[in-house]
């Protein structure tokens, strides 16, 4: 994999207390702090869309974040960045599971 390709980083979070609006808000606020990291070029925070149920659609998660980096090196720097580490320390208790997809552009 070439390190000079743009990287999309998507994380899906399953909350310990999915019915808690406070927990969702706390996680969203924590995710917002990741905008402070220079390597993060874009950040989108979301929730499952109210689309129809189909076998190929997973609505089971509660909160998502999707961001872009200019390179694999930038994504690696993000992982160890103090703001990212502080987010995990402050909000990690909110989720029971997180699933990450790192996607490289074809060209």
Protein backbone atom coordinates (compact mmCIF):
# COMPACT_ATOMS: atom_id res chain seq x y z
CA UNK A 1 0.00 0.00 0.00
CA UNK A 2 1.39 3.36 -0.97
CA UNK A 3 1.82 5.84 1.88
CA UNK A 4 1.06 8.85 -0.32
CA UNK A 5 -2.60 8.02 -0.84
CA UNK A 6 -5.35 9.79 1.02
CA UNK A 7 -6.72 7.76 3.93
CA UNK A 8 -10.32 7.72 5.10
CA UNK A 9 -10.70 6.62 8.71
CA UNK A 10 -14.14 5.53 9.86
CA UNK A 11 -15.02 4.43 13.38
CA UNK A 12 -18.38 3.02 14.43
CA UNK A 13 -19.22 3.10 18.14
CA UNK A 14 -21.67 0.93 20.06
CA UNK A 15 -22.52 2.67 23.34
CA UNK A 16 -22.79 0.96 26.70
CA UNK A 17 -25.99 2.98 27.29
CA UNK A 18 -27.48 3.46 23.82
CA UNK A 19 -30.65 5.10 25.17
CA UNK A 20 -28.69 7.81 26.97
CA UNK A 21 -28.84 11.13 25.11
CA UNK A 22 -26.21 12.42 27.54
CA UNK A 23 -23.75 9.66 26.59
CA UNK A 24 -24.31 10.29 22.86
CA UNK A 25 -23.75 14.00 23.37
CA UNK A 26 -20.62 13.40 25.47
CA UNK A 27 -19.18 11.13 22.77
CA UNK A 28 -20.00 13.64 20.02
CA UNK A 29 -18.38 16.44 22.03
CA UNK A 30 -15.30 14.28 22.56
CA UNK A 31 -15.11 13.48 18.87
CA UNK A 32 -15.32 17.20 18.06
CA UNK A 33 -12.03 17.74 19.90
CA UNK A 34 -10.28 15.64 17.26
CA UNK A 35 -10.64 18.59 14.84
CA UNK A 36 -7.76 20.18 16.77
CA UNK A 37 -5.33 17.63 15.35
CA UNK A 38 -3.46 19.16 12.42
CA UNK A 39 -3.35 15.91 10.43
CA UNK A 40 -7.16 15.58 10.44
CA UNK A 41 -8.26 17.17 7.15
CA UNK A 42 -11.99 16.51 7.46
CA UNK A 43 -14.21 15.19 10.24
CA UNK A 44 -17.84 14.08 10.10
CA UNK A 45 -19.75 12.84 13.15
CA UNK A 46 -22.98 10.96 12.55
CA UNK A 47 -25.56 8.40 13.59
CA UNK A 48 -27.42 5.71 11.67
CA UNK A 49 -29.65 7.13 8.97
CA UNK A 50 -33.34 6.23 9.16
CA UNK A 51 -33.14 4.23 5.93
CA UNK A 52 -35.07 1.06 5.23
CA UNK A 53 -33.98 -2.21 6.80
CA UNK A 54 -32.15 -4.40 4.28
CA UNK A 55 -29.85 -7.38 4.72
CA UNK A 56 -26.82 -5.31 3.63
CA UNK A 57 -27.48 -2.34 5.94
CA UNK A 58 -26.16 -2.31 9.51
CA UNK A 59 -28.08 0.06 11.78
CA UNK A 60 -26.79 -1.54 15.00
CA UNK A 61 -24.13 1.07 15.85
CA UNK A 62 -24.93 4.34 17.64
CA UNK A 63 -22.35 7.03 16.74
CA UNK A 64 -19.79 7.28 13.94
CA UNK A 65 -16.89 9.43 12.95
CA UNK A 66 -15.31 9.66 9.55
CA UNK A 67 -12.15 11.61 8.87
CA UNK A 68 -9.58 12.03 6.13
CA UNK A 69 -5.80 12.18 6.23
CA UNK A 70 -3.37 13.05 3.45
CA UNK A 71 -1.21 9.97 4.07
CA UNK A 72 -0.67 6.82 6.10
CA UNK A 73 2.00 8.74 8.05
CA UNK A 74 -0.57 11.39 9.02
CA UNK A 75 -3.01 8.69 10.16
CA UNK A 76 -0.25 7.10 12.26
CA UNK A 77 0.60 10.47 13.84
CA UNK A 78 -3.09 10.93 14.70
CA UNK A 79 -3.17 7.62 16.59
CA UNK A 80 -0.52 8.75 19.08
CA UNK A 81 -1.47 12.45 19.18
CA UNK A 82 -2.13 13.71 22.74
CA UNK A 83 -5.59 15.04 21.76
CA UNK A 84 -6.60 11.60 20.45
CA UNK A 85 -5.20 9.90 23.54
CA UNK A 86 -7.08 12.38 25.78
CA UNK A 87 -10.31 11.64 23.87
CA UNK A 88 -9.91 7.91 24.51
CA UNK A 89 -9.14 8.49 28.20
CA UNK A 90 -12.13 10.82 28.63
CA UNK A 91 -14.71 8.96 26.52
CA UNK A 92 -13.57 5.34 26.33
CA UNK A 93 -15.93 4.32 29.13
CA UNK A 94 -18.91 5.30 26.95
CA UNK A 95 -18.58 2.53 24.39
CA UNK A 96 -18.71 -1.23 24.61
CA UNK A 97 -17.36 -1.71 21.11
CA UNK A 98 -15.67 0.29 18.38
CA UNK A 99 -15.01 -0.91 14.85
CA UNK A 100 -12.56 0.95 12.60
CA UNK A 101 -12.24 0.93 8.81
CA UNK A 102 -9.15 2.57 7.29
CA UNK A 103 -9.62 3.05 3.55
CA UNK A 104 -6.98 4.13 1.02
CA UNK A 105 -7.97 5.89 -2.19
CA UNK A 106 -7.33 3.87 -5.38
CA UNK A 107 -5.67 6.78 -7.12
